[in-house]
């Protein structure tokens, strides 16, 4: 009777030991995806207005993105420095200014 108990215990151990490598492999795969992809920026703050522009901040990683208050949507790239975003916006406006500043015929 002890042999039957021993066999049952070893069978239970074999059944229950399969999940540990699966959990480790899944965790490693998830960590690899996060490491290569980075933050998905799904949790964004409410718009903040500073230095004449509005932006949002990712609550997970701290990346900032410009925000258009008239259309109530974010635009432009994600950056960690606000000054980089302001410089990007000025360069983008400079490229579109010649069309907007064209003089109208009288």
C-alpha atoms as a PDB file:
ATOM      1  CA  UNK A   1       0.000   0.000   0.000  1.00  0.00           C
ATOM      2  CA  UNK A   2       2.876   2.391   0.565  1.00  0.00           C
ATOM      3  CA  UNK A   3       4.037   1.800  -3.008  1.00  0.00           C
ATOM      4  CA  UNK A   4       0.658   2.988  -4.295  1.00  0.00           C
ATOM      5  CA  UNK A   5       0.904   6.130  -2.141  1.00  0.00           C
ATOM      6  CA  UNK A   6       4.458   6.770  -3.368  1.00  0.00           C
ATOM      7  CA  UNK A   7       3.386   6.409  -7.002  1.00  0.00           C
ATOM      8  CA  UNK A   8       0.454   8.751  -6.454  1.00  0.00           C
ATOM      9  CA  UNK A   9       2.731  11.394  -4.876  1.00  0.00           C
ATOM     10  CA  UNK A  10       5.245  11.224  -7.713  1.00  0.00           C
ATOM     11  CA  UNK A  11       2.404  11.481 -10.234  1.00  0.00           C
ATOM     12  CA  UNK A  12       1.059  14.551  -8.399  1.00  0.00           C
ATOM     13  CA  UNK A  13       4.515  16.138  -8.359  1.00  0.00           C
ATOM     14  CA  UNK A  14       4.937  15.544 -12.071  1.00  0.00           C
ATOM     15  CA  UNK A  15       1.537  17.084 -12.804  1.00  0.00           C
ATOM     16  CA  UNK A  16       2.067  20.128 -10.604  1.00  0.00           C
ATOM     17  CA  UNK A  17       5.631  20.856 -11.652  1.00  0.00           C
ATOM     18  CA  UNK A  18       4.787  21.721 -15.275  1.00  0.00           C
ATOM     19  CA  UNK A  19       3.409  25.181 -14.493  1.00  0.00           C
ATOM     20  CA  UNK A  20       6.634  26.635 -13.059  1.00  0.00           C
ATOM     21  CA  UNK A  21       8.624  26.629 -16.342  1.00  0.00           C
ATOM     22  CA  UNK A  22       5.549  27.960 -18.131  1.00  0.00           C
ATOM     23  CA  UNK A  23       5.241  30.884 -15.751  1.00  0.00           C
ATOM     24  CA  UNK A  24       8.937  31.674 -16.042  1.00  0.00           C
ATOM     25  CA  UNK A  25       8.857  31.498 -19.846  1.00  0.00           C
ATOM     26  CA  UNK A  26       5.755  33.689 -20.016  1.00  0.00           C
ATOM     27  CA  UNK A  27       7.271  36.225 -17.641  1.00  0.00           C
ATOM     28  CA  UNK A  28      10.495  36.348 -19.632  1.00  0.00           C
ATOM     29  CA  UNK A  29       8.597  36.793 -22.880  1.00  0.00           C
ATOM     30  CA  UNK A  30       6.534  39.597 -21.369  1.00  0.00           C
ATOM     31  CA  UNK A  31       9.649  41.287 -20.020  1.00  0.00           C
ATOM     32  CA  UNK A  32      11.303  41.025 -23.440  1.00  0.00           C
ATOM     33  CA  UNK A  33       8.309  42.675 -25.119  1.00  0.00           C
ATOM     34  CA  UNK A  34       8.353  45.525 -22.612  1.00  0.00           C
ATOM     35  CA  UNK A  35      12.130  45.909 -22.942  1.00  0.00           C
ATOM     36  CA  UNK A  36      12.055  46.078 -26.743  1.00  0.00           C
ATOM     37  CA  UNK A  37       8.816  48.011 -27.152  1.00  0.00           C
ATOM     38  CA  UNK A  38       8.901  50.212 -24.083  1.00  0.00           C
ATOM     39  CA  UNK A  39       5.872  52.002 -22.703  1.00  0.00           C
ATOM     40  CA  UNK A  40       2.624  51.995 -24.689  1.00  0.00           C
ATOM     41  CA  UNK A  41       1.590  55.421 -23.267  1.00  0.00           C
ATOM     42  CA  UNK A  42      -1.971  54.349 -22.499  1.00  0.00           C
ATOM     43  CA  UNK A  43      -2.342  56.282 -19.237  1.00  0.00           C
ATOM     44  CA  UNK A  44      -2.047  59.967 -20.109  1.00  0.00           C
ATOM     45  CA  UNK A  45      -2.664  62.878 -17.740  1.00  0.00           C
ATOM     46  CA  UNK A  46      -5.060  65.735 -18.304  1.00  0.00           C
ATOM     47  CA  UNK A  47      -3.626  68.549 -20.436  1.00  0.00           C
ATOM     48  CA  UNK A  48      -1.199  70.914 -18.705  1.00  0.00           C
ATOM     49  CA  UNK A  49      -0.481  74.428 -19.984  1.00  0.00           C
ATOM     50  CA  UNK A  50       3.034  75.861 -19.555  1.00  0.00           C
ATOM     51  CA  UNK A  51       5.142  78.330 -21.571  1.00  0.00           C
ATOM     52  CA  UNK A  52       2.290  79.053 -23.958  1.00  0.00           C
ATOM     53  CA  UNK A  53       1.707  75.449 -25.000  1.00  0.00           C
ATOM     54  CA  UNK A  54      -0.314  72.537 -23.697  1.00  0.00           C
ATOM     55  CA  UNK A  55       0.921  68.972 -23.271  1.00  0.00           C
ATOM     56  CA  UNK A  56       0.067  65.645 -21.656  1.00  0.00           C
ATOM     57  CA  UNK A  57       2.312  63.390 -19.571  1.00  0.00           C
ATOM     58  CA  UNK A  58       2.339  59.577 -19.615  1.00  0.00           C
ATOM     59  CA  UNK A  59       1.661  58.471 -16.052  1.00  0.00           C
ATOM     60  CA  UNK A  60       3.692  55.288 -16.527  1.00  0.00           C
ATOM     61  CA  UNK A  61       6.974  56.569 -17.944  1.00  0.00           C
ATOM     62  CA  UNK A  62       6.827  60.384 -17.848  1.00  0.00           C
ATOM     63  CA  UNK A  63       7.005  61.014 -21.608  1.00  0.00           C
ATOM     64  CA  UNK A  64       5.320  64.217 -22.768  1.00  0.00           C
ATOM     65  CA  UNK A  65       3.242  64.926 -25.881  1.00  0.00           C
ATOM     66  CA  UNK A  66       1.847  68.195 -27.174  1.00  0.00           C
ATOM     67  CA  UNK A  67      -1.894  68.766 -26.886  1.00  0.00           C
ATOM     68  CA  UNK A  68      -4.200  70.821 -29.104  1.00  0.00           C
ATOM     69  CA  UNK A  69      -6.850  72.454 -26.925  1.00  0.00           C
ATOM     70  CA  UNK A  70      -9.063  73.453 -29.862  1.00  0.00           C
ATOM     71  CA  UNK A  71      -9.378  69.926 -31.242  1.00  0.00           C
ATOM     72  CA  UNK A  72      -8.885  68.338 -27.793  1.00  0.00           C
ATOM     73  CA  UNK A  73      -6.374  65.763 -28.979  1.00  0.00           C
ATOM     74  CA  UNK A  74      -2.690  65.029 -28.591  1.00  0.00           C
ATOM     75  CA  UNK A  75      -0.284  65.407 -31.520  1.00  0.00           C
ATOM     76  CA  UNK A  76       3.390  65.148 -32.332  1.00  0.00           C
ATOM     77  CA  UNK A  77       6.100  62.845 -31.023  1.00  0.00           C
ATOM     78  CA  UNK A  78       6.664  61.678 -27.458  1.00  0.00           C
ATOM     79  CA  UNK A  79       9.638  63.325 -25.728  1.00  0.00           C
ATOM     80  CA  UNK A  80      10.890  63.466 -22.161  1.00  0.00           C
ATOM     81  CA  UNK A  81      11.974  67.115 -22.368  1.00  0.00           C
ATOM     82  CA  UNK A  82       9.377  69.854 -22.821  1.00  0.00           C
ATOM     83  CA  UNK A  83      11.912  72.124 -24.529  1.00  0.00           C
ATOM     84  CA  UNK A  84      12.451  69.460 -27.219  1.00  0.00           C
ATOM     85  CA  UNK A  85       8.693  69.383 -27.870  1.00  0.00           C
ATOM     86  CA  UNK A  86       8.509  73.179 -28.085  1.00  0.00           C
ATOM     87  CA  UNK A  87      11.428  73.215 -30.544  1.00  0.00           C
ATOM     88  CA  UNK A  88       9.725  70.490 -32.610  1.00  0.00           C
ATOM     89  CA  UNK A  89       6.483  72.492 -32.708  1.00  0.00           C
ATOM     90  CA  UNK A  90       8.276  75.676 -33.771  1.00  0.00           C
ATOM     91  CA  UNK A  91      10.091  73.847 -36.562  1.00  0.00           C
ATOM     92  CA  UNK A  92       6.830  72.250 -37.725  1.00  0.00           C
ATOM     93  CA  UNK A  93       5.086  75.650 -37.752  1.00  0.00           C
ATOM     94  CA  UNK A  94       8.013  77.202 -39.629  1.00  0.00           C
ATOM     95  CA  UNK A  95       7.609  74.637 -42.403  1.00  0.00           C
ATOM     96  CA  UNK A  96       3.888  75.378 -42.741  1.00  0.00           C
ATOM     97  CA  UNK A  97       4.176  79.200 -42.388  1.00  0.00           C
ATOM     98  CA  UNK A  98       5.028  80.089 -46.025  1.00  0.00           C
ATOM     99  CA  UNK A  99       1.678  78.703 -47.195  1.00  0.00           C
ATOM    100  CA  UNK A 100      -0.232  80.485 -44.443  1.00  0.00           C
ATOM    101  CA  UNK A 101       1.666  83.777 -44.905  1.00  0.00           C
ATOM    102  CA  UNK A 102       1.181  83.969 -48.653  1.00  0.00           C
ATOM    103  CA  UNK A 103      -0.228  87.375 -49.510  1.00  0.00           C
ATOM    104  CA  UNK A 104      -3.652  87.520 -51.021  1.00  0.00           C
ATOM    105  CA  UNK A 105      -4.119  89.421 -54.257  1.00  0.00           C
ATOM    106  CA  UNK A 106      -5.995  92.688 -53.752  1.00  0.00           C
END
